[in-house]
Amino acid sequence: MRRLGKGAIALIVIVLVLVVVRLALPPVLKNVINDRLATMGAYHGRIADFDLSLWRGAYRLEGLRIQKDGVPVPLLDAPGVDVLISWRALLHGAVVAEVDFQQPTVHFVDGSDEADSLTGAGVDWRERLDDLVPISIDEIRVHGGTVVFHNFVSDPPVDLRMTGVEARIDNLTNVRDEAGERVAGLTARGRMFGDASMELDAHFDPFGRMDEFDLALRVLGIDLTQLNDLAQAYANLDIESGSGEIVLELEAVDGRLEGYAKPLFHDLKIFSWRDDVGKGKNPLRIAWEALAQGVVSIFKNHPADQFATRIPISGPIGDAQTGTWQAILGVLRNAFVQALTPYFDDVGPRRRDER
């Protein structure tokens, strides 16, 4: 009986300690995380709440938000981030985490200068992720994500969205394969430009300088009129009708980006005498659209009524910390614009004050 009494007391003490830890840790850890996110160069962040589940070996960050002063949208807005101990890895003697982002939104902004642009440049985000998850991460999953590209100062303003993103990044642990390399995989699926289907696959070294990777993107079933804001802002064109698809392949080796973008457009119509001339557009704008339509007509496959081109991509990424994402964003934007303005160079966004 005495032994049973001591065992019961010990159990009660353990339970009380766990309860005290459960109640005391969340506000302390919330403050620690917010202190670490408070200053990140041009960016700053915070979480709204922190929840701990000792039984599951998990915790949850609520209301994670990272933003930049002077920009009207945050770089990241994540309502919920779940961090769980990977029991699969634990059985093999490793303590690593699996991270789930629930319905996050990522914003990129092409501004008039660096101060009002939003690209994530200037911050080592792997280091910031270490602040949120202080143990090794094996896998990151994204559920119901959104990626938005903005230009608030162009004419018209641009707002392009990738929605319903389901993504997974695996093999993030610091383990080399038989060839001595560390290769993580990224797969993503979602919708772009309204209802076009998007598929993305990539491989990269999660602990390297991010100057070596490969990426393949395919977007199918594009309603080209959904690109009108982009086409008007960057190419001074508006699309009357058409559909299409685009394939993009990139490979970076030793900091140099090589690849191509291959758009294929069906029934592409840029110029309409009735709609463009009849609406009293600027004569120079009418002439430009008519010229672009003429180029498309000359080079398209007339029996299939489709226009295809291959846009080569080549050049240095730049600084490994900041240049990779800027290079990829620029490639994605310019691939669509160049496809709509074949053989014409020096296309830039029209600002509202240039109307």
Protein backbone atom coordinates (compact mmCIF):
# COMPACT_ATOMS: atom_id res chain seq x y z
CA MET A 1 0.00 0.00 0.00
CA ARG A 2 2.84 2.33 0.90
CA ARG A 3 4.47 1.63 -2.48
CA LEU A 4 1.21 2.22 -4.27
CA GLY A 5 0.81 5.47 -2.40
CA LYS A 6 4.24 6.70 -3.44
CA GLY A 7 3.55 5.72 -7.06
CA ALA A 8 0.28 7.59 -7.04
CA ILE A 9 1.93 10.65 -5.57
CA ALA A 10 4.67 10.54 -8.20
CA LEU A 11 2.06 10.26 -10.94
CA ILE A 12 0.14 13.21 -9.55
CA VAL A 13 3.34 15.28 -9.39
CA ILE A 14 4.19 14.42 -13.02
CA VAL A 15 0.68 15.35 -14.14
CA LEU A 16 0.84 18.64 -12.23
CA VAL A 17 4.24 19.46 -13.74
CA LEU A 18 2.90 18.78 -17.23
CA VAL A 19 -0.15 20.94 -16.57
CA VAL A 20 2.05 23.80 -15.31
CA VAL A 21 4.35 23.46 -18.33
CA ARG A 22 1.35 23.34 -20.67
CA LEU A 23 -0.08 26.54 -19.17
CA ALA A 24 3.19 28.46 -18.79
CA LEU A 25 5.04 27.67 -22.01
CA PRO A 26 2.69 29.01 -24.73
CA PRO A 27 2.82 32.72 -23.72
CA VAL A 28 6.57 32.49 -23.11
CA LEU A 29 7.25 30.86 -26.48
CA LYS A 30 4.90 33.27 -28.25
CA ASN A 31 6.96 36.20 -26.93
CA VAL A 32 10.25 34.49 -27.86
CA ILE A 33 9.05 33.89 -31.43
CA ASN A 34 7.70 37.42 -31.83
CA ASP A 35 11.00 38.85 -30.57
CA ARG A 36 12.88 36.86 -33.22
CA LEU A 37 10.49 37.89 -35.98
CA ALA A 38 10.35 41.56 -34.98
CA THR A 39 13.37 42.60 -37.03
CA MET A 40 14.34 40.95 -40.31
CA GLY A 41 15.99 43.67 -42.33
CA ALA A 42 13.26 45.39 -44.33
CA TYR A 43 10.69 42.87 -43.05
CA HIS A 44 9.08 42.19 -39.71
CA GLY A 45 6.66 39.56 -38.51
CA ARG A 46 4.62 38.25 -35.61
CA ILE A 47 2.26 35.47 -34.59
CA ALA A 48 -1.14 36.09 -33.00
CA ASP A 49 -1.12 33.00 -30.79
CA PHE A 50 0.81 29.86 -29.86
CA ASP A 51 -0.76 26.55 -28.84
CA LEU A 52 1.05 23.51 -27.45
CA SER A 53 0.03 19.84 -27.49
CA LEU A 54 2.45 17.86 -25.33
CA TRP A 55 0.58 14.59 -25.85
CA ARG A 56 0.89 14.74 -29.65
CA GLY A 57 4.36 16.26 -29.62
CA ALA A 58 3.10 19.22 -31.63
CA TYR A 59 2.49 22.95 -31.52
CA ARG A 60 0.53 25.41 -33.60
CA LEU A 61 1.30 28.96 -34.71
CA GLU A 62 -1.79 31.04 -35.36
CA GLY A 63 -1.93 34.26 -37.37
CA LEU A 64 1.65 34.18 -38.70
CA ARG A 65 2.17 37.38 -40.66
CA ILE A 66 5.34 38.74 -42.30
CA GLN A 67 5.24 42.16 -43.92
CA LYS A 68 7.27 45.08 -45.17
CA ASP A 69 6.64 48.72 -44.25
CA GLY A 70 5.23 50.80 -47.09
CA VAL A 71 3.68 47.82 -48.92
CA PRO A 72 -0.11 47.38 -48.56
CA VAL A 73 -0.04 43.54 -48.53
CA PRO A 74 2.03 41.12 -46.41
CA LEU A 75 4.65 38.82 -47.88
CA LEU A 76 3.08 35.93 -45.94
CA ASP A 77 -0.26 35.58 -44.19
CA ALA A 78 -0.66 32.11 -42.67
CA PRO A 79 -3.75 31.61 -40.47
CA GLY A 80 -2.45 28.30 -39.10
CA VAL A 81 0.91 26.50 -39.07
CA ASP A 82 1.05 23.06 -37.44
CA VAL A 83 4.44 21.66 -36.39
CA LEU A 84 4.43 17.95 -35.56
CA ILE A 85 7.13 15.52 -34.48
CA SER A 86 7.69 12.99 -37.25
CA TRP A 87 7.09 9.62 -35.60
CA ARG A 88 8.37 7.89 -38.73
CA ALA A 89 11.76 9.58 -38.31
CA LEU A 90 11.68 9.09 -34.54
CA LEU A 91 11.54 5.32 -35.01
CA HIS A 92 14.87 5.66 -36.87
CA GLY A 93 16.46 7.67 -34.08
CA ALA A 94 16.03 11.16 -35.55
CA VAL A 95 14.06 14.02 -34.03
CA VAL A 96 12.63 15.97 -36.95
CA ALA A 97 9.44 17.89 -37.63
CA GLU A 98 6.74 17.97 -40.26
CA VAL A 99 5.26 21.42 -40.93
CA ASP A 100 1.75 22.02 -42.29
CA PHE A 101 0.74 25.46 -43.59
CA GLN A 102 -3.06 25.83 -43.62
CA GLN A 103 -4.45 28.22 -46.26
CA PRO A 104 -1.40 30.53 -46.44
CA THR A 105 -1.28 33.49 -48.83
CA VAL A 106 1.99 34.71 -50.32
CA HIS A 107 2.10 38.12 -52.04
CA PHE A 108 4.70 39.37 -54.52
CA VAL A 109 4.67 43.02 -55.61
CA ASP A 110 6.35 44.62 -58.61
CA GLY A 111 6.69 48.21 -57.44
CA SER A 112 8.17 51.37 -58.88
CA ASP A 113 11.40 50.75 -56.92
CA GLU A 114 12.86 48.34 -54.34
CA ALA A 115 11.20 50.18 -51.43
CA ASP A 116 7.64 49.40 -52.54
CA SER A 117 8.38 46.00 -54.12
CA LEU A 118 7.80 42.71 -52.34
CA THR A 119 10.00 39.80 -53.39
CA GLY A 120 11.46 38.50 -50.13
CA ALA A 121 14.88 39.86 -51.06
CA GLY A 122 17.37 40.61 -48.33
CA VAL A 123 16.40 37.91 -45.80
CA ASP A 124 17.70 34.37 -45.30
CA TRP A 125 14.29 32.69 -44.93
CA ARG A 126 15.79 29.34 -43.97
CA GLU A 127 17.25 31.03 -40.89
CA ARG A 128 13.88 32.60 -40.10
CA LEU A 129 12.22 29.19 -40.44
CA ASP A 130 14.72 27.88 -37.89
CA ASP A 131 13.40 30.52 -35.47
CA LEU A 132 9.88 29.09 -35.85
CA VAL A 133 10.89 25.41 -35.87
CA PRO A 134 14.10 24.95 -33.83
CA ILE A 135 14.51 21.26 -34.79
CA SER A 136 15.29 19.75 -38.20
CA ILE A 137 12.44 19.83 -40.71
CA ASP A 138 11.86 16.75 -42.84
CA GLU A 139 8.76 17.82 -44.74
CA ILE A 140 6.70 20.96 -45.42
CA ARG A 141 3.14 20.71 -46.70
CA VAL A 142 0.84 23.47 -47.95
CA HIS A 143 -2.94 23.07 -48.02
CA GLY A 144 -5.27 25.49 -49.81
CA GLY A 145 -2.55 28.05 -50.50
CA THR A 146 -2.72 31.22 -52.60
CA VAL A 147 0.08 33.06 -54.42
CA VAL A 148 -0.62 36.57 -55.72
CA PHE A 149 1.40 38.79 -58.08
CA HIS A 150 0.57 42.51 -57.80
CA ASN A 151 1.54 45.71 -59.51
CA PHE A 152 -0.28 48.56 -57.77
CA VAL A 153 1.34 51.37 -59.79
CA SER A 154 0.84 50.09 -63.33
CA ASP A 155 -2.01 51.07 -65.65
CA PRO A 156 -4.14 49.07 -65.09
CA PRO A 157 -3.11 47.59 -61.72
CA VAL A 158 -2.20 43.90 -61.96
CA ASP A 159 -3.55 41.18 -59.68
CA LEU A 160 -2.77 37.61 -60.85
CA ARG A 161 -3.51 34.67 -58.58
CA MET A 162 -2.59 31.05 -58.11
CA THR A 163 -5.25 29.43 -55.93
CA GLY A 164 -6.02 26.10 -54.32
CA VAL A 165 -2.32 25.30 -54.04
CA GLU A 166 -1.49 21.88 -52.62
CA ALA A 167 2.28 21.58 -52.25
CA ARG A 168 4.85 19.36 -50.61
CA ILE A 169 8.57 19.78 -50.00
CA ASP A 170 10.23 16.60 -48.77
CA ASN A 171 13.67 15.24 -47.88
CA LEU A 172 14.70 18.44 -46.13
CA THR A 173 16.84 16.71 -43.53
CA ASN A 174 20.59 17.20 -43.75
CA VAL A 175 21.34 13.78 -45.27
CA ARG A 176 23.38 13.21 -48.42
CA ASP A 177 22.51 10.53 -50.94
CA GLU A 178 24.88 7.89 -52.35
CA ALA A 179 26.36 10.45 -54.77
CA GLY A 180 27.13 12.82 -51.90
CA GLU A 181 24.33 15.23 -52.82
CA ARG A 182 21.37 16.54 -50.82
CA VAL A 183 18.28 16.77 -52.99
CA ALA A 184 14.91 17.95 -51.79
CA GLY A 185 11.81 17.67 -53.95
CA LEU A 186 9.01 20.18 -54.45
CA THR A 187 5.67 19.31 -56.03
CA ALA A 188 2.75 21.72 -56.30
CA ARG A 189 -0.66 21.67 -57.94
CA GLY A 190 -3.23 24.43 -58.17
CA ARG A 191 -5.20 26.81 -60.40
CA MET A 192 -3.85 29.89 -62.19
CA PHE A 193 -5.47 32.76 -64.12
CA GLY A 194 -8.93 31.77 -63.01
CA ASP A 195 -9.39 28.07 -63.77
CA ALA A 196 -6.21 27.02 -65.61
CA SER A 197 -4.54 23.95 -64.07
CA MET A 198 -0.97 24.34 -62.79
CA GLU A 199 1.65 21.66 -62.13
CA LEU A 200 5.11 22.39 -60.75
CA ASP A 201 8.00 20.07 -59.93
CA ALA A 202 11.44 21.09 -58.71
CA HIS A 203 14.58 19.71 -57.07
CA PHE A 204 17.15 21.64 -55.05
CA ASP A 205 19.74 21.39 -52.28
CA PRO A 206 17.92 22.56 -49.13
CA PHE A 207 21.17 23.49 -47.39
CA GLY A 208 23.09 24.82 -50.38
CA ARG A 209 23.34 28.33 -51.80
CA MET A 210 20.20 27.90 -53.91
CA ASP A 211 22.24 28.49 -57.06
CA GLU A 212 21.69 24.94 -58.33
CA PHE A 213 18.21 23.58 -58.97
CA ASP A 214 15.84 22.43 -61.69
CA LEU A 215 12.22 23.46 -62.13
CA ALA A 216 9.43 22.48 -64.51
CA LEU A 217 6.10 24.32 -64.71
CA ARG A 218 3.08 23.53 -66.85
CA VAL A 219 -0.12 25.60 -67.04
CA LEU A 220 -2.99 24.22 -69.15
CA GLY A 221 -6.37 25.58 -70.20
CA ILE A 222 -5.60 29.30 -69.89
CA ASP A 223 -8.37 31.74 -70.81
CA LEU A 224 -6.11 34.43 -72.29
CA THR A 225 -8.57 37.22 -71.48
CA GLN A 226 -7.68 36.53 -67.81
CA LEU A 227 -4.23 37.97 -68.65
CA ASN A 228 -5.57 41.30 -69.90
CA ASP A 229 -4.38 43.38 -66.96
CA LEU A 230 -0.88 41.94 -67.34
CA ALA A 231 -0.90 42.41 -71.13
CA GLN A 232 -2.22 45.98 -70.91
CA ALA A 233 0.17 47.02 -68.14
CA TYR A 234 3.35 45.47 -69.55
CA ALA A 235 2.74 45.27 -73.31
CA ASN A 236 0.05 47.90 -73.96
CA LEU A 237 -2.17 45.23 -75.50
CA ASP A 238 -5.54 43.80 -74.63
CA ILE A 239 -6.67 40.34 -75.67
CA GLU A 240 -10.05 39.95 -77.35
CA SER A 241 -10.17 36.14 -77.14
CA GLY A 242 -8.08 33.01 -77.07
CA SER A 243 -6.91 30.10 -74.97
CA GLY A 244 -3.56 28.50 -74.41
CA GLU A 245 -0.98 26.72 -72.34
CA ILE A 246 2.60 27.31 -71.32
CA VAL A 247 5.52 25.04 -70.40
CA LEU A 248 8.53 26.41 -68.52
CA GLU A 249 11.74 24.54 -67.77
CA LEU A 250 14.64 26.06 -65.84
CA GLU A 251 17.97 24.71 -64.64
CA ALA A 252 20.50 26.57 -62.54
CA VAL A 253 24.11 25.39 -62.40
CA ASP A 254 26.81 27.33 -60.55
CA GLY A 255 24.54 30.36 -60.29
CA ARG A 256 23.63 30.54 -63.97
CA LEU A 257 20.05 30.10 -65.14
CA GLU A 258 19.29 28.29 -68.40
CA GLY A 259 16.00 27.13 -69.85
CA TYR A 260 13.05 28.09 -71.97
CA ALA A 261 9.40 29.07 -71.91
CA LYS A 262 7.13 27.63 -74.58
CA PRO A 263 3.65 29.17 -74.88
CA LEU A 264 1.05 27.70 -77.24
CA PHE A 265 -1.96 29.93 -77.94
CA HIS A 266 -5.17 28.91 -79.71
CA ASP A 267 -7.54 31.33 -81.50
CA LEU A 268 -5.51 34.28 -80.22
CA LYS A 269 -7.15 37.56 -81.17
CA ILE A 270 -5.52 40.83 -80.07
CA PHE A 271 -6.95 43.34 -82.55
CA SER A 272 -10.60 43.87 -83.42
CA TRP A 273 -11.58 46.65 -85.84
CA ARG A 274 -15.04 46.94 -84.32
CA ASP A 275 -14.02 46.80 -80.64
CA ASP A 276 -10.71 48.70 -80.82
CA VAL A 277 -11.40 51.38 -83.44
CA GLY A 278 -15.05 51.70 -82.55
CA LYS A 279 -14.25 52.44 -78.91
CA GLY A 280 -12.05 55.39 -79.87
CA LYS A 281 -8.74 54.07 -78.58
CA ASN A 282 -5.54 56.05 -78.97
CA PRO A 283 -4.39 55.72 -82.64
CA LEU A 284 -0.89 54.63 -81.58
CA ARG A 285 -2.41 51.94 -79.34
CA ILE A 286 -4.58 50.74 -82.25
CA ALA A 287 -1.57 50.61 -84.58
CA TRP A 288 0.48 48.67 -82.00
CA GLU A 289 -2.26 46.09 -81.45
CA ALA A 290 -2.82 45.72 -85.19
CA LEU A 291 0.94 45.17 -85.68
CA ALA A 292 1.08 42.57 -82.92
CA GLN A 293 -1.94 40.79 -84.41
CA GLY A 294 -0.21 40.87 -87.80
CA VAL A 295 2.91 39.19 -86.39
CA VAL A 296 0.76 36.51 -84.77
CA SER A 297 -1.13 35.97 -88.05
CA ILE A 298 2.09 35.61 -90.06
CA PHE A 299 3.70 33.05 -87.76
CA LYS A 300 0.71 31.05 -86.57
CA ASN A 301 -0.28 27.59 -87.80
CA HIS A 302 -3.33 28.58 -89.86
CA PRO A 303 -5.04 25.16 -90.20
CA ALA A 304 -4.91 24.68 -86.41
CA ASP A 305 -5.35 28.42 -85.71
CA GLN A 306 -2.61 28.30 -83.09
CA PHE A 307 0.49 30.34 -82.39
CA ALA A 308 3.55 28.89 -80.64
CA THR A 309 6.95 30.30 -79.84
CA ARG A 310 9.96 29.25 -77.80
CA ILE A 311 11.49 31.88 -75.54
CA PRO A 312 15.07 31.06 -74.49
CA ILE A 313 16.10 31.97 -70.94
CA SER A 314 19.72 32.48 -69.99
CA GLY A 315 21.61 34.56 -67.47
CA PRO A 316 23.11 34.76 -63.97
CA ILE A 317 20.85 34.43 -60.95
CA GLY A 318 22.80 36.97 -58.95
CA ASP A 319 23.13 36.90 -55.17
CA ALA A 320 22.24 33.36 -54.05
CA GLN A 321 20.21 34.61 -51.10
CA THR A 322 18.08 37.16 -52.91
CA GLY A 323 18.46 36.56 -56.61
CA THR A 324 16.85 33.15 -57.09
CA TRP A 325 13.24 34.09 -56.39
CA GLN A 326 13.56 37.43 -58.18
CA ALA A 327 14.94 35.63 -61.24
CA ILE A 328 12.12 33.08 -61.27
CA LEU A 329 9.42 35.73 -60.76
CA GLY A 330 10.88 37.81 -63.56
CA VAL A 331 10.99 34.80 -65.85
CA LEU A 332 7.35 33.89 -65.17
CA ARG A 333 6.16 37.45 -65.80
CA ASN A 334 8.28 38.07 -68.88
CA ALA A 335 7.48 34.71 -70.48
CA PHE A 336 3.82 35.65 -70.85
CA VAL A 337 4.56 39.20 -71.96
CA GLN A 338 7.17 38.15 -74.54
CA ALA A 339 4.86 35.48 -75.90
CA LEU A 340 2.24 38.14 -76.63
CA THR A 341 4.72 40.59 -78.17
CA PRO A 342 6.93 38.42 -80.41
CA TYR A 343 10.05 40.05 -81.83
CA PHE A 344 9.51 43.31 -79.95
CA ASP A 345 11.92 44.20 -77.13
CA ASP A 346 12.16 46.61 -74.20
CA VAL A 347 8.64 46.03 -72.93
CA GLY A 348 8.03 47.54 -69.49
CA PRO A 349 4.98 48.29 -67.38
CA ARG A 350 2.99 51.45 -68.03
CA ARG A 351 2.63 53.57 -64.91
CA ARG A 352 -0.60 55.33 -64.10
CA ASP A 353 1.08 58.72 -64.39
CA GLU A 354 2.11 57.89 -68.00
CA ARG A 355 -1.44 57.73 -69.35
